[in-house]
Protein backbone atom coordinates (compact mmCIF):
# COMPACT_ATOMS: atom_id res chain seq x y z
CA MET A 1 0.10 -0.08 -0.07
CA LYS A 2 1.01 3.70 -0.36
CA ALA A 3 -0.37 6.43 2.18
CA ALA A 4 0.61 9.72 2.48
CA VAL A 5 2.50 10.91 5.71
CA LEU A 6 2.66 14.09 7.84
CA TYR A 7 6.38 13.71 9.64
CA GLU A 8 5.89 17.37 11.17
CA ALA A 9 3.23 20.18 11.74
CA ASN A 10 3.04 22.56 8.95
CA ALA A 11 5.51 20.56 6.49
CA PRO A 12 3.98 18.82 3.31
CA LEU A 13 2.80 15.36 3.47
CA VAL A 14 5.18 12.70 1.98
CA ILE A 15 4.17 9.66 -0.17
CA GLU A 16 5.24 6.41 1.58
CA HIS A 17 5.20 2.49 0.85
CA PHE A 18 4.01 0.13 3.73
CA ASP A 19 3.14 -3.60 4.12
CA LEU A 20 0.09 -4.27 6.29
CA PRO A 21 0.26 -7.18 8.76
CA ASP A 22 -2.51 -9.99 8.37
CA ILE A 23 -5.90 -9.14 9.98
CA ARG A 24 -7.16 -10.26 13.56
CA ASP A 25 -10.09 -12.61 13.41
CA ASP A 26 -12.42 -9.81 13.95
CA GLN A 27 -10.93 -7.40 11.23
CA VAL A 28 -11.46 -6.69 7.45
CA ARG A 29 -8.87 -5.32 5.06
CA VAL A 30 -10.30 -2.81 2.82
CA ARG A 31 -8.97 -1.43 -0.47
CA LEU A 32 -9.97 2.18 -0.02
CA MET A 33 -11.45 4.16 -3.31
CA ALA A 34 -11.82 7.57 -2.09
CA SER A 35 -11.10 9.90 1.25
CA GLY A 36 -12.32 13.16 1.89
CA VAL A 37 -9.88 15.82 2.90
CA CYS A 38 -11.30 17.49 6.09
CA HIS A 39 -10.90 20.47 8.34
CA SER A 40 -9.63 17.85 10.98
CA ASP A 41 -6.98 16.75 9.27
CA TRP A 42 -5.85 20.36 8.70
CA HIS A 43 -5.91 20.90 12.18
CA ILE A 44 -3.43 18.33 12.78
CA VAL A 45 -1.07 19.74 9.38
CA LYS A 46 -0.91 23.07 11.32
CA GLY A 47 -0.33 21.96 14.75
CA GLU A 48 -3.41 22.83 16.44
CA TRP A 49 -4.45 19.34 17.75
CA VAL A 50 -1.93 17.92 20.25
CA ASP A 51 -3.22 14.43 20.96
CA VAL A 52 -2.98 11.02 19.85
CA ASN A 53 -3.46 11.91 16.00
CA ARG A 54 -0.01 14.05 16.64
CA PRO A 55 2.78 13.38 13.89
CA PRO A 56 4.21 11.32 12.67
CA VAL A 57 0.73 9.75 11.09
CA ILE A 58 -1.09 8.31 7.95
CA LEU A 59 -3.59 11.26 7.83
CA GLY A 60 -7.34 11.17 6.62
CA HIS A 61 -10.75 9.63 8.53
CA GLU A 62 -13.20 9.96 6.03
CA GLY A 63 -12.69 6.64 3.72
CA ALA A 64 -14.71 4.46 1.58
CA GLY A 65 -13.98 1.12 -0.19
CA VAL A 66 -14.32 -2.29 -1.14
CA VAL A 67 -13.58 -5.48 1.50
CA GLU A 68 -10.67 -7.35 0.17
CA GLU A 69 -10.48 -9.86 3.20
CA VAL A 70 -12.36 -10.93 6.30
CA GLY A 71 -11.23 -12.37 9.49
CA PRO A 72 -12.88 -15.61 10.79
CA ALA A 73 -15.09 -13.86 13.26
CA VAL A 74 -16.53 -11.08 11.21
CA ARG A 75 -20.03 -11.24 10.51
CA ASN A 76 -22.27 -9.28 8.07
CA LEU A 77 -19.36 -8.51 5.81
CA ASN A 78 -18.07 -10.41 2.77
CA VAL A 79 -15.68 -10.05 0.40
CA GLY A 80 -16.53 -7.32 -2.51
CA ASP A 81 -18.94 -5.61 -0.30
CA HIS A 82 -18.56 -1.67 -0.59
CA VAL A 83 -18.43 -0.05 2.95
CA VAL A 84 -17.89 3.40 4.39
CA LEU A 85 -15.80 3.97 7.58
CA SER A 86 -16.62 5.34 10.79
CA TRP A 87 -14.31 6.61 12.55
CA MET A 88 -15.55 6.37 15.72
CA ARG A 89 -15.65 3.02 17.12
CA ASN A 90 -17.84 2.13 20.28
CA CYS A 91 -17.69 -0.76 22.51
CA GLY A 92 -21.49 -0.99 23.33
CA LEU A 93 -20.31 -1.80 27.15
CA CYS A 94 -19.78 1.52 28.85
CA GLU A 95 -22.10 3.75 30.28
CA MET A 96 -22.35 6.39 27.28
CA CYS A 97 -23.02 3.34 24.79
CA GLN A 98 -25.43 1.79 27.07
CA VAL A 99 -27.45 4.97 27.34
CA GLY A 100 -27.50 5.48 23.74
CA TYR A 101 -24.92 7.36 23.24
CA SER A 102 -22.10 5.49 21.26
CA ASN A 103 -20.62 8.52 19.56
CA LEU A 104 -19.11 9.29 23.31
CA CYS A 105 -17.88 5.60 23.72
CA GLU A 106 -15.37 5.84 26.61
CA GLU A 107 -13.12 3.19 25.41
CA PRO A 108 -9.55 4.08 23.29
CA TRP A 109 -9.77 3.89 19.45
CA ASP A 110 -8.32 0.51 18.56
CA HIS A 111 -5.13 0.77 16.85
CA ARG A 112 -4.25 -2.87 16.06
CA GLY A 113 -3.17 -3.52 12.52
CA GLN A 114 -0.79 -0.64 12.20
CA PRO A 115 1.03 -0.63 8.74
CA ARG A 116 4.93 -1.50 8.51
CA PHE A 117 7.60 0.50 6.27
CA GLN A 118 8.49 -2.00 3.78
CA ASP A 119 11.18 -4.10 4.87
CA SER A 120 11.15 -2.74 8.03
CA ASP A 121 9.62 -3.69 11.47
CA ARG A 122 9.21 -0.25 12.07
CA GLN A 123 5.18 0.94 12.19
CA MET A 124 3.62 3.96 11.45
CA LYS A 125 0.12 5.04 13.67
CA ARG A 126 -3.07 6.07 11.57
CA MET A 127 -5.29 9.31 12.24
CA ASN A 128 -7.87 7.78 14.46
CA ALA A 129 -6.98 4.04 13.66
CA LEU A 130 -8.06 4.45 9.92
CA GLY A 131 -5.38 6.88 7.96
CA THR A 132 -7.53 6.93 4.95
CA PHE A 133 -5.04 8.97 2.73
CA SER A 134 -3.75 5.58 1.84
CA THR A 135 -4.65 2.51 -0.65
CA GLU A 136 -5.80 -0.04 1.88
CA THR A 137 -6.42 0.06 5.63
CA ILE A 138 -7.24 -2.74 8.16
CA VAL A 139 -10.04 -2.19 10.27
CA PRO A 140 -12.24 -3.98 13.09
CA GLN A 141 -15.33 -4.90 11.53
CA ASP A 142 -17.90 -2.76 13.38
CA ILE A 143 -16.73 0.43 11.86
CA ALA A 144 -17.18 -0.81 8.19
CA ILE A 145 -20.47 0.09 7.31
CA PRO A 146 -21.99 -1.72 4.07
CA ILE A 147 -23.37 0.34 1.82
CA ASP A 148 -25.23 -0.07 -1.69
CA ARG A 149 -22.91 -0.76 -4.95
CA GLU A 150 -24.79 2.40 -6.64
CA ILE A 151 -23.67 4.59 -4.06
CA PRO A 152 -20.21 6.51 -5.90
CA PHE A 153 -17.38 6.34 -3.42
CA ALA A 154 -16.31 9.75 -3.56
CA GLN A 155 -19.72 10.76 -2.02
CA ALA A 156 -19.72 7.99 0.34
CA ALA A 157 -16.59 8.91 1.77
CA LEU A 158 -17.76 12.31 3.11
CA VAL A 159 -20.60 10.85 5.02
CA GLY A 160 -17.88 9.35 7.15
CA CYS A 161 -17.26 12.52 9.09
CA GLY A 162 -18.19 15.87 7.36
CA VAL A 163 -22.01 15.06 6.30
CA MET A 164 -22.46 12.90 9.63
CA THR A 165 -20.90 15.62 11.66
CA GLY A 166 -23.33 18.38 10.04
CA VAL A 167 -26.45 16.76 9.19
CA GLY A 168 -26.22 15.09 12.73
CA ALA A 169 -25.74 18.16 14.70
CA ALA A 170 -29.19 19.92 13.38
CA LEU A 171 -31.32 16.47 13.38
CA ASN A 172 -29.90 14.67 16.29
CA THR A 173 -27.88 16.76 18.73
CA ALA A 174 -30.23 20.22 18.27
CA LYS A 175 -33.16 18.54 17.33
CA VAL A 176 -34.35 21.30 15.14
CA GLN A 177 -38.18 21.93 14.85
CA ALA A 178 -39.76 22.68 11.41
CA GLY A 179 -40.56 26.58 11.48
CA LYS A 180 -37.95 27.40 13.63
CA SER A 181 -35.33 29.45 13.06
CA VAL A 182 -31.29 28.75 12.49
CA ALA A 183 -27.78 30.24 12.35
CA VAL A 184 -24.88 28.53 11.13
CA PHE A 185 -21.76 29.89 11.42
CA GLY A 186 -18.78 28.86 8.89
CA CYS A 187 -19.88 27.56 5.43
CA GLY A 188 -17.15 24.74 4.96
CA GLY A 189 -17.70 21.05 4.57
CA VAL A 190 -19.26 20.84 8.33
CA GLY A 191 -21.19 24.42 7.83
CA LEU A 192 -22.98 23.21 4.86
CA ASN A 193 -24.39 19.86 6.21
CA VAL A 194 -25.59 21.73 9.10
CA ILE A 195 -27.99 23.72 6.68
CA GLN A 196 -28.82 20.55 4.63
CA GLY A 197 -29.89 19.06 8.39
CA ALA A 198 -31.83 22.15 9.10
CA THR A 199 -33.38 22.48 5.68
CA ILE A 200 -34.61 18.63 5.99
CA ALA A 201 -35.94 19.44 9.45
CA GLY A 202 -37.87 22.12 7.86
CA ALA A 203 -36.51 25.25 9.52
CA GLU A 204 -36.80 28.61 8.50
CA PRO A 205 -35.17 31.31 8.09
CA ILE A 206 -31.83 29.57 7.80
CA ILE A 207 -28.96 32.03 8.12
CA ALA A 208 -25.56 31.35 7.08
CA VAL A 209 -22.11 33.18 8.23
CA ASP A 210 -18.95 33.22 6.50
CA ILE A 211 -16.25 35.93 5.69
CA LEU A 212 -15.77 34.57 2.34
CA ASP A 213 -18.56 35.40 -0.25
CA ASN A 214 -17.80 32.40 -2.58
CA LYS A 215 -18.77 30.19 0.96
CA LEU A 216 -22.11 32.46 1.31
CA GLU A 217 -23.04 31.83 -1.99
CA MET A 218 -22.43 28.06 -1.81
CA SER A 219 -24.74 28.11 1.24
CA ARG A 220 -27.73 28.99 -0.70
CA GLN A 221 -27.21 25.72 -2.92
CA PHE A 222 -27.40 23.97 0.20
CA GLY A 223 -30.55 25.80 1.83
CA ALA A 224 -29.72 28.86 3.52
CA THR A 225 -32.48 31.43 3.07
CA HIS A 226 -30.11 34.68 4.01
CA THR A 227 -26.34 35.14 4.27
CA VAL A 228 -24.41 37.39 6.33
CA ASN A 229 -20.51 38.38 5.81
CA SER A 230 -19.12 38.84 9.14
CA ALA A 231 -15.90 40.38 7.70
CA GLN A 232 -18.45 43.28 6.94
CA VAL A 233 -21.36 43.81 9.48
CA ASP A 234 -21.34 42.43 13.00
CA PRO A 235 -23.10 38.94 12.56
CA VAL A 236 -25.10 39.02 15.87
CA GLU A 237 -26.47 42.24 15.08
CA ALA A 238 -27.32 41.26 11.44
CA ILE A 239 -28.91 38.51 12.73
CA GLN A 240 -31.28 40.03 15.34
CA GLN A 241 -32.37 42.15 12.13
CA LEU A 242 -33.36 39.10 10.19
CA THR A 243 -35.24 37.79 13.48
CA ASP A 244 -37.50 40.78 14.44
CA GLY A 245 -34.62 41.84 17.03
CA LYS A 246 -35.33 38.45 18.83
CA GLY A 247 -32.20 36.35 17.69
CA VAL A 248 -32.64 32.95 16.24
CA HIS A 249 -34.08 29.43 18.15
CA TYR A 250 -30.92 27.49 16.78
CA ALA A 251 -27.28 28.83 16.22
CA PHE A 252 -24.65 26.61 15.25
CA GLU A 253 -20.69 27.17 15.42
CA ALA A 254 -19.38 24.72 12.24
CA ILE A 255 -15.53 26.73 12.02
CA GLY A 256 -13.68 25.75 14.97
CA LEU A 257 -10.62 28.43 14.37
CA ALA A 258 -10.85 31.52 16.82
CA PRO A 259 -13.39 32.26 19.74
CA ALA A 260 -15.24 34.84 18.37
CA PRO A 261 -17.87 32.60 16.57
CA PHE A 262 -18.40 30.74 19.25
CA LYS A 263 -19.08 33.52 21.35
CA GLN A 264 -21.28 34.94 18.69
CA ALA A 265 -23.19 32.17 18.22
CA ILE A 266 -24.41 32.24 21.97
CA LEU A 267 -25.15 35.94 21.77
CA CYS A 268 -27.53 35.33 18.48
CA THR A 269 -29.87 33.28 20.19
CA ARG A 270 -32.91 34.27 21.52
CA ARG A 271 -34.59 33.27 24.92
CA ARG A 272 -34.47 29.70 25.41
CA GLY A 273 -32.17 29.69 22.36
CA VAL A 274 -29.93 26.73 21.86
CA THR A 275 -26.18 26.96 20.66
CA VAL A 276 -24.35 24.13 19.35
CA PHE A 277 -20.48 24.34 19.27
CA VAL A 278 -19.70 21.59 16.15
CA GLY A 279 -16.53 23.14 15.19
CA HIS A 280 -13.73 21.53 16.92
CA ALA A 281 -11.26 24.07 18.30
CA PRO A 282 -7.71 24.64 18.40
CA ASP A 283 -6.28 23.37 21.86
CA ASN A 284 -6.56 25.76 25.05
CA THR A 285 -9.10 28.11 23.12
CA PRO A 286 -11.16 30.11 25.61
CA VAL A 287 -14.43 31.33 24.76
CA ASP A 288 -15.58 34.00 27.17
CA PHE A 289 -19.10 35.63 27.60
CA ASP A 290 -21.27 37.14 30.63
CA ALA A 291 -22.43 34.09 32.28
CA LYS A 292 -25.53 36.28 33.17
CA ILE A 293 -26.89 35.55 29.46
CA LEU A 294 -27.94 32.04 30.37
CA ALA A 295 -30.37 33.39 33.01
CA LEU A 296 -32.34 33.66 29.94
CA GLU A 297 -32.45 29.84 29.82
CA LYS A 298 -30.38 29.48 26.99
CA THR A 299 -28.86 26.38 26.42
CA VAL A 300 -24.97 25.52 24.86
CA ILE A 301 -24.48 22.01 23.95
CA GLY A 302 -21.31 20.45 21.97
CA SER A 303 -21.80 18.12 19.48
CA MET A 304 -19.52 14.96 18.46
CA TYR A 305 -19.83 13.45 15.22
CA GLY A 306 -23.50 14.53 15.26
CA SER A 307 -24.73 12.40 18.01
CA CYS A 308 -24.51 9.39 15.52
CA ARG A 309 -25.17 5.93 15.48
CA PRO A 310 -23.33 4.77 12.47
CA ARG A 311 -25.30 1.79 11.65
CA LEU A 312 -28.65 3.64 12.06
CA ASP A 313 -27.47 7.19 10.88
CA PHE A 314 -25.18 6.31 7.61
CA PRO A 315 -28.16 4.33 6.13
CA ARG A 316 -30.72 7.22 7.10
CA ILE A 317 -28.44 9.56 5.10
CA PHE A 318 -27.78 7.50 2.30
CA SER A 319 -31.34 7.12 2.00
CA LEU A 320 -31.99 10.91 2.12
CA TYR A 321 -29.45 11.39 -0.95
CA LYS A 322 -30.94 8.42 -3.01
CA ALA A 323 -34.35 10.38 -2.54
CA GLY A 324 -33.21 13.35 -3.61
CA LYS A 325 -33.10 15.34 -0.04
CA LEU A 326 -29.62 15.52 0.47
CA LYS A 327 -27.08 16.75 -2.03
CA LEU A 328 -23.89 14.75 -1.96
CA ASP A 329 -22.48 15.17 -5.36
CA GLU A 330 -22.45 19.14 -5.00
CA LEU A 331 -20.03 18.67 -2.20
CA VAL A 332 -17.36 17.14 -4.21
CA THR A 333 -15.81 20.11 -5.02
CA ARG A 334 -12.61 18.92 -6.54
CA VAL A 335 -10.64 15.43 -7.12
CA TYR A 336 -7.26 14.89 -6.57
CA PRO A 337 -5.20 11.80 -6.89
CA LEU A 338 -3.26 10.53 -3.51
CA GLU A 339 0.05 12.55 -4.71
CA GLY A 340 -2.09 15.65 -5.05
CA VAL A 341 -2.72 15.87 -1.28
CA ASN A 342 -0.74 18.99 -0.22
CA GLU A 343 -2.91 20.44 -3.26
CA ALA A 344 -6.14 19.56 -1.68
CA PHE A 345 -4.97 21.08 1.48
CA GLU A 346 -3.64 24.29 -0.05
CA ALA A 347 -7.41 25.01 -1.50
CA LEU A 348 -8.66 23.94 1.73
CA GLY A 349 -6.91 26.73 3.37
CA ARG A 350 -7.70 29.18 1.10
CA GLY A 351 -11.75 28.39 1.19
CA GLU A 352 -11.84 27.38 -2.20
CA VAL A 353 -13.67 24.06 -1.91
CA ALA A 354 -16.92 22.69 -0.09
CA ARG A 355 -15.06 19.45 -0.15
CA SER A 356 -11.98 17.74 -1.94
CA VAL A 357 -11.78 14.05 -2.21
CA LEU A 358 -8.83 12.06 -3.12
CA ASP A 359 -9.39 9.11 -5.89
CA LEU A 360 -7.39 6.16 -4.77
CA ASN A 361 -8.39 3.76 -7.23
């Protein structure tokens, strides 16, 4: 297999060749066909997340492909099946799994099956134990979710993180109600999918906030009814004006880059409004606001992976896509070969794309 490795922050990724070990009883080997290039990968490239995914690491966590080999204990998967990978494994036994929040599983990620440098015993870790910037990977059976063969791999890969995170934040975490007002801060890959989730829920108006006009124009394609350029006007004041001075029922922070949008997302909600932090900020990002504002019975909640249960929610997402109610084709702005991964990150950093996809075939 070949893969794109980040050796140090703020440096180009390097294409390397590896051998994969034999699979274990409950694992499957997947020939990856496509991988999304997500902002979470970009955080690691920029050195903003210092955690288990610190370099050196094979990046990538949005992947779809074909099952090439199955272990003897694997159930419900066969060689040749098309799958999309979930980056959050759940044990099914801890408190969070037992009460229905498997996206918050307390067990650590399973890092078995690490690739080895060719002609060496030296191993390389994979982002979130997936490392989808590669031509193959080995994963536990429970995070390989079967999909219909007619679903294109590029579109399927995006459901593994960005689509599920955004749509799920609206439908699962916030449970947006029809006819309620929504503001979304950030119109990247996740923010556009928050907008899609709010649209599916029947929200109105849906106000998109960003500093780039091209992103705001893109947001209308995915369901935004109004747009606000926060580089030109105060977004809180603009949202107040669009909602008769009351503010929105729901606000979503989907950027995760700086404290200001987190605070603005709280301030722009009305009494008993709900603010959802979807964007994962760099480590040690403080958000300061007057605590008294919460006396208006406002709620601030985080959303991890769209509060999803992959084996239930992934099929739901694909059903919405096939019914024409969820846009996946339109999310794929550019396609690059694996060797073009650094160019894909440059386009992401310039805000030029909804989502770039690596074609690994």
